PDB file of N, CA and C in Angstrom:
ATOM      1  N   THR A   1     123.728 198.724 325.287  1.00  0.00           N
ATOM      2  CA  THR A   1     123.192 199.185 326.192  1.00  0.00           C
ATOM      3  C   THR A   1     124.221 198.743 328.008  1.00  0.00           C
ATOM      4  N   LEU A   2     123.652 197.518 328.036  1.00  0.00           N
ATOM      5  CA  LEU A   2     124.773 197.267 329.460  1.00  0.00           C
ATOM      6  C   LEU A   2     125.839 198.115 329.925  1.00  0.00           C
ATOM      7  N   LEU A   3     127.066 198.370 328.256  1.00  0.00           N
ATOM      8  CA  LEU A   3     128.119 198.476 328.676  1.00  0.00           C
ATOM      9  C   LEU A   3     128.086 200.130 328.854  1.00  0.00           C
ATOM     10  N   VAL A   4     126.887 200.545 328.681  1.00  0.00           N
ATOM     11  CA  VAL A   4     126.904 201.862 328.466  1.00  0.00           C
ATOM     12  C   VAL A   4     126.249 202.761 329.414  1.00  0.00           C
ATOM     13  N   ILE A   5     125.444 202.031 330.281  1.00  0.00           N
ATOM     14  CA  ILE A   5     123.948 202.342 331.127  1.00  0.00           C
ATOM     15  C   ILE A   5     124.959 201.191 332.743  1.00  0.00           C
ATOM     16  N   GLY A   6     124.882 200.464 332.368  1.00  0.00           N
ATOM     17  CA  GLY A   6     124.250 199.396 333.920  1.00  0.00           C
ATOM     18  C   GLY A   6     125.807 199.333 334.509  1.00  0.00           C
ATOM     19  N   ILE A   7     126.712 199.066 333.745  1.00  0.00           N
ATOM     20  CA  ILE A   7     128.022 198.793 334.170  1.00  0.00           C
ATOM     21  C   ILE A   7     128.249 200.123 334.892  1.00  0.00           C
ATOM     22  N   PRO A   8     128.262 201.011 334.335  1.00  0.00           N
ATOM     23  CA  PRO A   8     128.291 203.310 335.235  1.00  0.00           C
ATOM     24  C   PRO A   8     127.348 202.636 336.047  1.00  0.00           C
ATOM     25  N   MET A   9     126.145 202.263 336.495  1.00  0.00           N
ATOM     26  CA  MET A   9     125.152 202.501 337.519  1.00  0.00           C
ATOM     27  C   MET A   9     126.082 201.539 338.425  1.00  0.00           C
ATOM     28  N   LEU A  10     125.649 200.522 338.425  1.00  0.00           N
ATOM     29  CA  LEU A  10     126.909 199.135 339.670  1.00  0.00           C
ATOM     30  C   LEU A  10     128.263 200.241 339.917  1.00  0.00           C
ATOM     31  N   CYS A  11     128.943 200.412 339.053  1.00  0.00           N
ATOM     32  CA  CYS A  11     129.700 200.623 339.353  1.00  0.00           C
ATOM     33  C   CYS A  11     130.173 202.241 340.759  1.00  0.00           C
ATOM     34  N   VAL A  12     129.501 202.243 339.704  1.00  0.00           N
ATOM     35  CA  VAL A  12     128.908 204.670 340.315  1.00  0.00           C
ATOM     36  C   VAL A  12     128.314 204.755 341.429  1.00  0.00           C
ATOM     37  N   MET A  13     126.585 204.311 340.963  1.00  0.00           N
ATOM     38  CA  MET A  13     125.648 204.830 341.891  1.00  0.00           C
ATOM     39  C   MET A  13     125.748 203.657 343.452  1.00  0.00           C
ATOM     40  N   GLY A  14     125.807 202.858 342.890  1.00  0.00           N
ATOM     41  CA  GLY A  14     126.016 201.641 344.000  1.00  0.00           C
ATOM     42  C   GLY A  14     126.509 201.743 344.580  1.00  0.00           C
ATOM     43  N   PRO A  15     128.313 201.556 344.904  1.00  0.00           N
ATOM     44  CA  PRO A  15     128.855 202.716 346.357  1.00  0.00           C
ATOM     45  C   PRO A  15     128.666 203.260 346.564  1.00  0.00           C
ATOM     46  N   VAL A  16     128.442 204.520 345.563  1.00  0.00           N
ATOM     47  CA  VAL A  16     127.868 206.331 346.624  1.00  0.00           C
ATOM     48  C   VAL A  16     126.100 206.005 347.294  1.00  0.00           C
ATOM     49  N   ASN A  17     125.412 204.806 346.716  1.00  0.00           N
ATOM     50  CA  ASN A  17     124.225 204.335 347.943  1.00  0.00           C
ATOM     51  C   ASN A  17     124.642 204.260 348.901  1.00  0.00           C
ATOM     52  N   TYR A  18     125.715 203.266 348.869  1.00  0.00           N
ATOM     53  CA  TYR A  18     126.110 202.043 349.501  1.00  0.00           C
ATOM     54  C   TYR A  18     126.718 203.067 351.050  1.00  0.00           C
ATOM     55  N   PHE A  19     127.648 203.804 350.889  1.00  0.00           N
ATOM     56  CA  PHE A  19     128.064 205.085 351.347  1.00  0.00           C
ATOM     57  C   PHE A  19     127.759 205.974 351.689  1.00  0.00           C
ATOM     58  N   PHE A  20     126.768 206.422 351.448  1.00  0.00           N
ATOM     59  CA  PHE A  20     126.676 208.174 351.413  1.00  0.00           C
ATOM     60  C   PHE A  20     124.689 208.457 351.706  1.00  0.00           C
ATOM     61  N   GLY A  21     124.469 207.114 351.082  1.00  0.00           N
ATOM     62  CA  GLY A  21     123.032 206.603 351.339  1.00  0.00           C
ATOM     63  C   GLY A  21     122.286 206.843 352.753  1.00  0.00           C
ATOM     64  N   GLY A  22     123.048 206.840 353.691  1.00  0.00           N
ATOM     65  CA  GLY A  22     122.717 206.811 355.074  1.00  0.00           C
ATOM     66  C   GLY A  22     121.805 205.646 355.840  1.00  0.00           C
ATOM     67  N   HIS A  23     121.764 204.659 354.887  1.00  0.00           N
ATOM     68  CA  HIS A  23     121.380 203.244 355.588  1.00  0.00           C
ATOM     69  C   HIS A  23     119.593 203.279 355.687  1.00  0.00           C
ATOM     70  N   ALA A  24     119.230 203.731 354.905  1.00  0.00           N
ATOM     71  CA  ALA A  24     117.800 203.343 355.075  1.00  0.00           C
ATOM     72  C   ALA A  24     117.371 201.848 354.975  1.00  0.00           C
ATOM     73  N   ALA A  25     117.555 201.636 354.838  1.00  0.00           N
ATOM     74  CA  ALA A  25     117.784 200.071 354.307  1.00  0.00           C
ATOM     75  C   ALA A  25     117.384 199.158 355.197  1.00  0.00           C
ATOM     76  N   GLY A  26     118.005 199.706 356.270  1.00  0.00           N
ATOM     77  CA  GLY A  26     118.283 199.176 357.188  1.00  0.00           C
ATOM     78  C   GLY A  26     118.664 197.673 357.287  1.00  0.00           C
ATOM     79  N   GLU A  27     118.362 196.464 357.743  1.00  0.00           N
ATOM     80  CA  GLU A  27     118.676 195.140 357.299  1.00  0.00           C
ATOM     81  C   GLU A  27     118.371 194.125 356.332  1.00  0.00           C
ATOM     82  N   ASP A  28     118.061 195.409 355.703  1.00  0.00           N
ATOM     83  CA  ASP A  28     117.620 194.829 353.522  1.00  0.00           C
ATOM     84  C   ASP A  28     118.917 194.743 353.501  1.00  0.00           C
ATOM     85  N   ARG A  29     119.850 193.646 353.326  1.00  0.00           N
ATOM     86  CA  ARG A  29     121.010 194.261 352.764  1.00  0.00           C
ATOM     87  C   ARG A  29     120.854 193.691 350.879  1.00  0.00           C
ATOM     88  N   LEU A  30     119.970 193.771 349.981  1.00  0.00           N
ATOM     89  CA  LEU A  30     119.565 193.107 349.372  1.00  0.00           C
ATOM     90  C   LEU A  30     119.895 195.053 348.249  1.00  0.00           C
ATOM     91  N   SER A  31     119.373 195.759 349.118  1.00  0.00           N
ATOM     92  CA  SER A  31     118.497 197.423 348.767  1.00  0.00           C
ATOM     93  C   SER A  31     120.029 198.381 349.215  1.00  0.00           C
ATOM     94  N   TYR A  32     120.967 197.647 349.963  1.00  0.00           N
ATOM     95  CA  TYR A  32     122.058 198.353 350.112  1.00  0.00           C
ATOM     96  C   TYR A  32     123.085 199.403 348.923  1.00  0.00           C
ATOM     97  N   LEU A  33     122.551 198.704 347.594  1.00  0.00           N
ATOM     98  CA  LEU A  33     123.629 199.381 347.109  1.00  0.00           C
ATOM     99  C   LEU A  33     122.332 200.015 345.436  1.00  0.00           C
ATOM    100  N   SER A  34     120.691 200.218 346.367  1.00  0.00           N
ATOM    101  CA  SER A  34     120.019 201.111 345.471  1.00  0.00           C
ATOM    102  C   SER A  34     119.976 202.215 345.807  1.00  0.00           C
ATOM    103  N   TYR A  35     118.702 202.713 345.666  1.00  0.00           N
ATOM    104  CA  TYR A  35     117.681 204.236 345.393  1.00  0.00           C
ATOM    105  C   TYR A  35     117.497 203.573 347.412  1.00  0.00           C
ATOM    106  N   GLY A  36     117.002 202.626 346.988  1.00  0.00           N
ATOM    107  CA  GLY A  36     116.028 202.232 347.998  1.00  0.00           C
ATOM    108  C   GLY A  36     116.959 202.127 349.911  1.00  0.00           C
ATOM    109  N   ASN A  37     118.221 202.642 349.450  1.00  0.00           N
ATOM    110  CA  ASN A  37     118.964 202.688 350.668  1.00  0.00           C
ATOM    111  C   ASN A  37     119.283 204.443 351.333  1.00  0.00           C
ATOM    112  N   ILE A  38     118.397 205.273 350.350  1.00  0.00           N
ATOM    113  CA  ILE A  38     119.120 206.772 350.721  1.00  0.00           C
ATOM    114  C   ILE A  38     117.805 207.122 352.009  1.00  0.00           C
ATOM    115  N   GLN A  39     117.984 208.106 352.344  1.00  0.00           N
ATOM    116  CA  GLN A  39     117.078 208.593 353.558  1.00  0.00           C
ATOM    117  C   GLN A  39     116.677 209.648 352.882  1.00  0.00           C
ATOM    118  N   MET A  40     115.252 210.048 353.229  1.00  0.00           N
ATOM    119  CA  MET A  40     114.444 210.788 353.233  1.00  0.00           C
ATOM    120  C   MET A  40     115.452 212.663 353.305  1.00  0.00           C
ATOM    121  N   ARG A  41     115.133 213.375 351.837  1.00  0.00           N
ATOM    122  CA  ARG A  41     115.409 214.161 352.335  1.00  0.00           C
ATOM    123  C   ARG A  41     117.143 214.525 352.339  1.00  0.00           C
ATOM    124  N   SER A  42     117.644 213.987 351.586  1.00  0.00           N
ATOM    125  CA  SER A  42     118.499 213.123 351.405  1.00  0.00           C
ATOM    126  C   SER A  42     119.484 214.510 349.646  1.00  0.00           C
ATOM    127  N   ASP A  43     120.042 215.352 349.894  1.00  0.00           N
ATOM    128  CA  ASP A  43     121.341 215.590 348.852  1.00  0.00           C
ATOM    129  C   ASP A  43     121.235 214.699 347.150  1.00  0.00           C
ATOM    130  N   LEU A  44     121.601 213.574 347.691  1.00  0.00           N
ATOM    131  CA  LEU A  44     121.921 211.945 347.065  1.00  0.00           C
ATOM    132  C   LEU A  44     120.490 212.629 346.123  1.00  0.00           C
ATOM    133  N   PHE A  45     119.472 212.651 346.638  1.00  0.00           N
ATOM    134  CA  PHE A  45     117.781 212.538 345.447  1.00  0.00           C
ATOM    135  C   PHE A  45     118.614 213.450 344.048  1.00  0.00           C
ATOM    136  N   TRP A  46     119.122 214.102 344.023  1.00  0.00           N
ATOM    137  CA  TRP A  46     119.911 215.334 343.303  1.00  0.00           C
ATOM    138  C   TRP A  46     120.861 214.249 342.658  1.00  0.00           C
ATOM    139  N   ALA A  47     121.565 213.801 342.712  1.00  0.00           N
ATOM    140  CA  ALA A  47     122.217 212.778 342.325  1.00  0.00           C
ATOM    141  C   ALA A  47     121.660 211.575 341.216  1.00  0.00           C
ATOM    142  N   HIS A  48     121.194 210.894 341.334  1.00  0.00           N
ATOM    143  CA  HIS A  48     119.327 210.348 340.952  1.00  0.00           C
ATOM    144  C   HIS A  48     118.726 210.583 340.008  1.00  0.00           C
ATOM    145  N   ALA A  49     118.685 212.318 339.742  1.00  0.00           N
ATOM    146  CA  ALA A  49     117.612 213.439 338.683  1.00  0.00           C
ATOM    147  C   ALA A  49     118.635 213.396 337.912  1.00  0.00           C
ATOM    148  N   PHE A  50     120.050 213.780 338.119  1.00  0.00           N
ATOM    149  CA  PHE A  50     121.710 213.707 336.937  1.00  0.00           C
ATOM    150  C   PHE A  50     121.279 212.112 336.229  1.00  0.00           C
ATOM    151  N   VAL A  51     121.387 211.524 337.325  1.00  0.00           N
ATOM    152  CA  VAL A  51     121.112 209.606 336.315  1.00  0.00           C
ATOM    153  C   VAL A  51     120.417 209.662 336.176  1.00  0.00           C
ATOM    154  N   VAL A  52     119.317 209.711 336.222  1.00  0.00           N
ATOM    155  CA  VAL A  52     117.322 209.465 335.110  1.00  0.00           C
ATOM    156  C   VAL A  52     118.483 210.718 333.509  1.00  0.00           C
ATOM    157  N   TRP A  53     118.603 211.199 334.554  1.00  0.00           N
ATOM    158  CA  TRP A  53     118.931 212.651 331.975  1.00  0.00           C
ATOM    159  C   TRP A  53     120.114 211.584 331.350  1.00  0.00           C
ATOM    160  N   TYR A  54     121.276 210.448 332.409  1.00  0.00           N
ATOM    161  CA  TYR A  54     122.221 210.302 332.308  1.00  0.00           C
ATOM    162  C   TYR A  54     121.433 209.427 331.171  1.00  0.00           C
ATOM    163  N   VAL A  55     120.450 208.358 331.635  1.00  0.00           N
ATOM    164  CA  VAL A  55     119.945 207.200 330.925  1.00  0.00           C
ATOM    165  C   VAL A  55     119.320 207.792 330.143  1.00  0.00           C
ATOM    166  N   VAL A  56     118.115 209.053 330.128  1.00  0.00           N
ATOM    167  CA  VAL A  56     117.483 209.381 329.220  1.00  0.00           C
ATOM    168  C   VAL A  56     118.854 209.731 327.708  1.00  0.00           C
ATOM    169  N   LEU A  57     119.832 210.844 328.198  1.00  0.00           N
ATOM    170  CA  LEU A  57     119.854 211.334 326.766  1.00  0.00           C
ATOM    171  C   LEU A  57     120.793 209.878 325.607  1.00  0.00           C
ATOM    172  N   VAL A  58     121.619 208.585 327.400  1.00  0.00           N
ATOM    173  CA  VAL A  58     121.749 207.459 326.151  1.00  0.00           C
ATOM    174  C   VAL A  58     121.149 206.802 325.826  1.00  0.00           C
ATOM    175  N   THR A  59     120.451 206.200 326.276  1.00  0.00           N
ATOM    176  CA  THR A  59     119.091 205.176 325.167  1.00  0.00           C
ATOM    177  C   THR A  59     118.964 206.331 324.260  1.00  0.00           C
ATOM    178  N   THR A  60     118.099 208.053 323.952  1.00  0.00           N
ATOM    179  CA  THR A  60     117.985 208.309 322.686  1.00  0.00           C
ATOM    180  C   THR A  60     118.773 208.164 321.898  1.00  0.00           C
ATOM    181  N   THR A  61     120.499 208.588 322.476  1.00  0.00           N
ATOM    182  CA  THR A  61     120.892 208.569 321.654  1.00  0.00           C
ATOM    183  C   THR A  61     121.370 207.445 320.751  1.00  0.00           C
ATOM    184  N   MET A  62     121.044 206.023 321.631  1.00  0.00           N
ATOM    185  CA  MET A  62     121.631 205.016 321.179  1.00  0.00           C
ATOM    186  C   MET A  62     120.722 204.962 320.075  1.00  0.00           C
ATOM    187  N   THR A  63     119.305 204.816 320.397  1.00  0.00           N
ATOM    188  CA  THR A  63     118.406 205.019 319.447  1.00  0.00           C
ATOM    189  C   THR A  63     118.471 205.391 318.663  1.00  0.00           C
ATOM    190  N   HIS A  64     118.445 206.565 318.571  1.00  0.00           N
ATOM    191  CA  HIS A  64     118.608 207.601 316.882  1.00  0.00           C
ATOM    192  C   HIS A  64     120.076 206.940 316.267  1.00  0.00           C
ATOM    193  N   TYR A  65     120.870 206.564 316.398  1.00  0.00           N
ATOM    194  CA  TYR A  65     122.146 206.100 315.778  1.00  0.00           C
ATOM    195  C   TYR A  65     121.652 204.517 315.188  1.00  0.00           C
ATOM    196  N   ALA A  66     120.681 203.607 316.011  1.00  0.00           N
ATOM    197  CA  ALA A  66     120.227 202.240 315.335  1.00  0.00           C
ATOM    198  C   ALA A  66     119.593 202.821 314.541  1.00  0.00           C
ATOM    199  N   MET A  67     118.903 203.945 314.249  1.00  0.00           N
ATOM    200  CA  MET A  67     117.579 204.314 313.173  1.00  0.00           C
ATOM    201  C   MET A  67     118.218 204.289 312.339  1.00  0.00           C
ATOM    202  N   ARG A  68     119.351 205.220 312.420  1.00  0.00           N
ATOM    203  CA  ARG A  68     120.037 205.321 310.989  1.00  0.00           C
ATOM    204  C   ARG A  68     120.537 204.724 310.292  1.00  0.00           C
ATOM    205  N   SER A  69     121.011 203.720 311.303  1.00  0.00           N
ATOM    206  CA  SER A  69     121.906 202.665 310.826  1.00  0.00           C
ATOM    207  C   SER A  69     121.403 201.726 310.398  1.00  0.00           C
ATOM    208  N   PHE A  70     119.961 201.476 310.631  1.00  0.00           N
ATOM    209  CA  PHE A  70     118.895 200.388 309.890  1.00  0.00           C
ATOM    210  C   PHE A  70     117.736 201.268 308.578  1.00  0.00           C
ATOM    211  N   MET A  71     118.043 202.416 308.783  1.00  0.00           N
ATOM    212  CA  MET A  71     117.365 202.748 307.511  1.00  0.00           C
ATOM    213  C   MET A  71     118.385 202.558 306.485  1.00  0.00           C
ATOM    214  N   ALA A  72     119.546 203.151 306.314  1.00  0.00           N
ATOM    215  CA  ALA A  72     120.482 202.791 305.559  1.00  0.00           C
ATOM    216  C   ALA A  72     120.543 201.590 304.636  1.00  0.00           C
ATOM    217  N   ARG A  73     120.571 200.795 305.567  1.00  0.00           N
ATOM    218  CA  ARG A  73     120.790 199.040 305.000  1.00  0.00           C
ATOM    219  C   ARG A  73     119.234 198.869 304.215  1.00  0.00           C
ATOM    220  N   ARG A  74     118.193 199.397 305.580  1.00  0.00           N
ATOM    221  CA  ARG A  74     117.224 199.139 304.255  1.00  0.00           C
ATOM    222  C   ARG A  74     117.209 200.184 302.768  1.00  0.00           C
ATOM    223  N   LYS A  75     117.254 201.462 302.933  1.00  0.00           N
ATOM    224  CA  LYS A  75     117.683 201.732 301.960  1.00  0.00           C
ATOM    225  C   LYS A  75     118.071 201.084 300.756  1.00  0.00           C
ATOM    226  N   LYS A  76     119.977 200.131 301.251  1.00  0.00           N
ATOM    227  CA  LYS A  76     119.899 199.891 299.943  1.00  0.00           C
ATOM    228  C   LYS A  76     119.695 198.562 300.145  1.00  0.00           C
ATOM    229  N   TRP A  77     118.552 197.320 300.827  1.00  0.00           N
ATOM    230  CA  TRP A  77     117.800 197.157 300.005  1.00  0.00           C
ATOM    231  C   TRP A  77     116.781 196.728 299.783  1.00  0.00           C
ATOM    232  N   LEU A  78     115.848 198.096 299.631  1.00  0.00           N
ATOM    233  CA  LEU A  78     114.520 197.465 298.963  1.00  0.00           C
ATOM    234  C   LEU A  78     115.566 198.231 297.269  1.00  0.00           C
ATOM    235  N   SER A  79     116.870 198.814 297.213  1.00  0.00           N
ATOM    236  CA  SER A  79     117.791 199.204 296.022  1.00  0.00           C
ATOM    237  C   SER A  79     117.769 198.281 295.446  1.00  0.00           C
ATOM    238  N   SER A  80     118.553 197.317 295.937  1.00  0.00           N
ATOM    239  CA  SER A  80     118.714 195.940 295.534  1.00  0.00           C
ATOM    240  C   SER A  80     117.444 194.905 294.254  1.00  0.00           C
ATOM    241  N   MET A  81     115.906 195.456 295.344  1.00  0.00           N
ATOM    242  CA  MET A  81     115.131 194.763 294.684  1.00  0.00           C
ATOM    243  C   MET A  81     114.902 195.507 293.721  1.00  0.00           C
ATOM    244  N   SER A  82     114.124 194.431 292.658  1.00  0.00           N
ATOM    245  CA  SER A  82     112.594 194.814 291.578  1.00  0.00           C
ATOM    246  C   SER A  82     111.898 195.897 291.719  1.00  0.00           C
ATOM    247  N   GLU A  83     112.235 196.678 291.057  1.00  0.00           N
ATOM    248  CA  GLU A  83     111.179 197.814 291.120  1.00  0.00           C
ATOM    249  C   GLU A  83     109.781 197.837 291.796  1.00  0.00           C
ATOM    250  N   LEU A  84     108.947 196.217 291.039  1.00  0.00           N
ATOM    251  CA  LEU A  84     107.414 196.003 290.864  1.00  0.00           C
ATOM    252  C   LEU A  84     107.410 194.966 292.552  1.00  0.00           C
ATOM    253  N   ARG A  85     109.025 194.629 293.400  1.00  0.00           N
ATOM    254  CA  ARG A  85     109.217 193.999 294.456  1.00  0.00           C
ATOM    255  C   ARG A  85     108.734 195.019 295.339  1.00  0.00           C
ATOM    256  N   ALA A  86     109.653 196.064 295.244  1.00  0.00           N
ATOM    257  CA  ALA A  86     110.329 197.441 296.536  1.00  0.00           C
ATOM    258  C   ALA A  86     108.912 198.575 296.336  1.00  0.00           C
ATOM    259  N   ASN A  87     107.905 198.538 295.927  1.00  0.00           N
ATOM    260  CA  ASN A  87     107.067 198.993 295.723  1.00  0.00           C
ATOM    261  C   ASN A  87     105.083 199.168 295.621  1.00  0.00           C
ATOM    262  N   THR A  88     105.915 197.453 296.093  1.00  0.00           N
ATOM    263  CA  THR A  88     104.068 197.114 296.438  1.00  0.00           C
ATOM    264  C   THR A  88     104.038 197.180 298.037  1.00  0.00           C
ATOM    265  N   VAL A  89     102.266 196.601 297.458  1.00  0.00           N
ATOM    266  CA  VAL A  89     102.146 197.560 299.434  1.00  0.00           C
ATOM    267  C   VAL A  89     100.629 196.344 299.526  1.00  0.00           C
ATOM    268  N   LEU A  90     100.863 195.505 301.333  1.00  0.00           N
ATOM    269  CA  LEU A  90      99.690 194.969 301.145  1.00  0.00           C
ATOM    270  C   LEU A  90      98.911 195.253 301.650  1.00  0.00           C
ATOM    271  N   VAL A  91      97.494 195.214 300.512  1.00  0.00           N
ATOM    272  CA  VAL A  91      96.005 195.513 301.857  1.00  0.00           C
ATOM    273  C   VAL A  91      95.168 194.807 302.842  1.00  0.00           C
ATOM    274  N   GLU A  92      94.877 194.950 303.714  1.00  0.00           N
ATOM    275  CA  GLU A  92      94.902 194.191 304.141  1.00  0.00           C
ATOM    276  C   GLU A  92      92.644 193.920 304.827  1.00  0.00           C
ATOM    277  N   SER A  93      92.408 192.900 305.121  1.00  0.00           N
ATOM    278  CA  SER A  93      91.075 194.084 305.961  1.00  0.00           C
ATOM    279  C   SER A  93      89.951 194.465 304.825  1.00  0.00           C
ATOM    280  N   ILE A  94      90.284 193.701 303.815  1.00  0.00           N
ATOM    281  CA  ILE A  94      89.293 194.552 302.792  1.00  0.00           C
ATOM    282  C   ILE A  94      87.394 193.824 302.912  1.00  0.00           C
ATOM    283  N   PRO A  95      86.298 194.321 302.437  1.00  0.00           N
ATOM    284  CA  PRO A  95      85.275 193.510 303.392  1.00  0.00           C
ATOM    285  C   PRO A  95      84.912 192.968 301.356  1.00  0.00           C
ATOM    286  N   ASP A  96      84.028 191.755 301.708  1.00  0.00           N
ATOM    287  CA  ASP A  96      83.720 190.289 300.985  1.00  0.00           C
ATOM    288  C   ASP A  96      83.536 191.428 299.789  1.00  0.00           C
ATOM    289  N   GLU A  97      82.065 192.045 300.373  1.00  0.00           N
ATOM    290  CA  GLU A  97      81.614 192.557 298.950  1.00  0.00           C
ATOM    291  C   GLU A  97      82.665 193.229 298.010  1.00  0.00           C
ATOM    292  N   PHE A  98      83.832 194.001 297.833  1.00  0.00           N
ATOM    293  CA  PHE A  98      84.721 194.828 297.877  1.00  0.00           C
ATOM    294  C   PHE A  98      86.106 193.355 296.931  1.00  0.00           C
ATOM    295  N   GLN A  99      86.233 192.313 297.601  1.00  0.00           N
ATOM    296  CA  GLN A  99      86.881 191.065 297.043  1.00  0.00           C
ATOM    297  C   GLN A  99      86.897 190.683 295.924  1.00  0.00           C
ATOM    298  N   SER A 100      87.089 191.203 294.832  1.00  0.00           N
ATOM    299  CA  SER A 100      86.802 191.014 293.422  1.00  0.00           C
ATOM    300  C   SER A 100      87.573 192.302 292.652  1.00  0.00           C
ATOM    301  N   GLU A 101      87.891 192.126 291.333  1.00  0.00           N
ATOM    302  CA  GLU A 101      89.016 193.216 290.632  1.00  0.00           C
ATOM    303  C   GLU A 101      87.949 193.670 290.213  1.00  0.00           C
ATOM    304  N   ASP A 102      86.510 193.838 289.779  1.00  0.00           N
ATOM    305  CA  ASP A 102      85.186 194.759 289.931  1.00  0.00           C
ATOM    306  C   ASP A 102      85.156 195.693 290.347  1.00  0.00           C
ATOM    307  N   LYS A 103      85.092 195.531 290.889  1.00  0.00           N
ATOM    308  CA  LYS A 103      83.955 195.715 292.530  1.00  0.00           C
ATOM    309  C   LYS A 103      85.383 196.912 293.568  1.00  0.00           C
ATOM    310  N   LEU A 104      87.136 195.976 293.293  1.00  0.00           N
ATOM    311  CA  LEU A 104      87.646 196.422 293.490  1.00  0.00           C
ATOM    312  C   LEU A 104      88.072 198.256 292.812  1.00  0.00           C
ATOM    313  N   ARG A 105      88.035 198.650 291.999  1.00  0.00           N
ATOM    314  CA  ARG A 105      87.940 199.363 290.740  1.00  0.00           C
ATOM    315  C   ARG A 105      86.879 200.449 291.403  1.00  0.00           C
TER     316      ARG A 105
END
């Protein structure tokens, strides 16, 4: 995620904010590369709106890919187990009066 989102942000948006932001940060040099360096009513706000959508789309895509990969591994893992173990369900918080075989049925 850092390679796909963080490095482009630092290498693209950082210099854009620094050179074209209008130096709204004043003497706060730590904010020169950030959103805080943009003058009010600047067209650069639109660039940040598109960057937000880029981050959302990349994060969503990466999450879906990771979930697909996880589900394939999980299915393979569950298939390799015995049927009894693969289909067992953990039940918790049963009231005290029902914690016996006779009363549970």
